[in-house]
Amino acid sequence: MYSLIAARANRKADVYALEPMERTFWRLVDNVRANRMSRSVEAFALAASDEDGRAVLNVFRGRRVLRSGSSLVAKDDRTVVRKQPVETVRLDTFVRRQGIPEVDLVKLDVEQSELRVLKGMAGLLDEHKPSILVEVFSGEVLREITDLLYPYGYSFAVLDDLGQGAYVEDVGAHEQVRNVLFWVGAPEELRAFLGSIAPL
């Protein structure tokens, strides 16, 4: 969904979608073709991580459920129904291999592997300073991510998808799963940007 939205929002953008779970990958490919976006969106059967190599993807739900919540991280509250070998790649390596000249935006939905992925894109953070939209599961994880990103000059806003609000630099904005936007600049600049596209 985010890949297609990104391609529609900016017709000049090149979108690279990484999806390690086999079933979801092929659904992604089908959706890209069905929406005639093959020139804008390229799909890769890869898992972003902090190492280039191989890993095991834990699949927590049944085969007939598309939205699996699969993860490289084992979760205590879920039963693993299947383990799928996957190829992992650091985003720094991926960008270099693909010859991508500029990275403006990174969307992460990596089911509790956020810190791994961010550590695998240290070069991107340093050189390209992309905006990053991350699905975060708790205030504790958000604090860990902000600790990692602050040295690069990032500030953040918690996005309330249901209430359509944004909470700049507020770690405790919500208890549940949320999307958080990180961008390079002062909190005041981020607040002004968000206010220009939607009321806060």
Foldseek 3Di string as FASTA:
>chain_A
DVQVVVCVVDVPAAAEAEAQDPLLQVVVVVVCVVVVNCVRYDYDNEAEFQDFFKAKKFFFDDPVDNPGLIASDDDPVTDGPDIDMHTYAAVVVVCVVVVPPADAEEEDDHNPRVVGNCNSCPVCLQPHQHKYKYWDAALVVVVVVCVVNVVSQKWKWWADPVVRDIHTNDSPPDGGITIMIIGHDDSVVVVVVSCVVDND
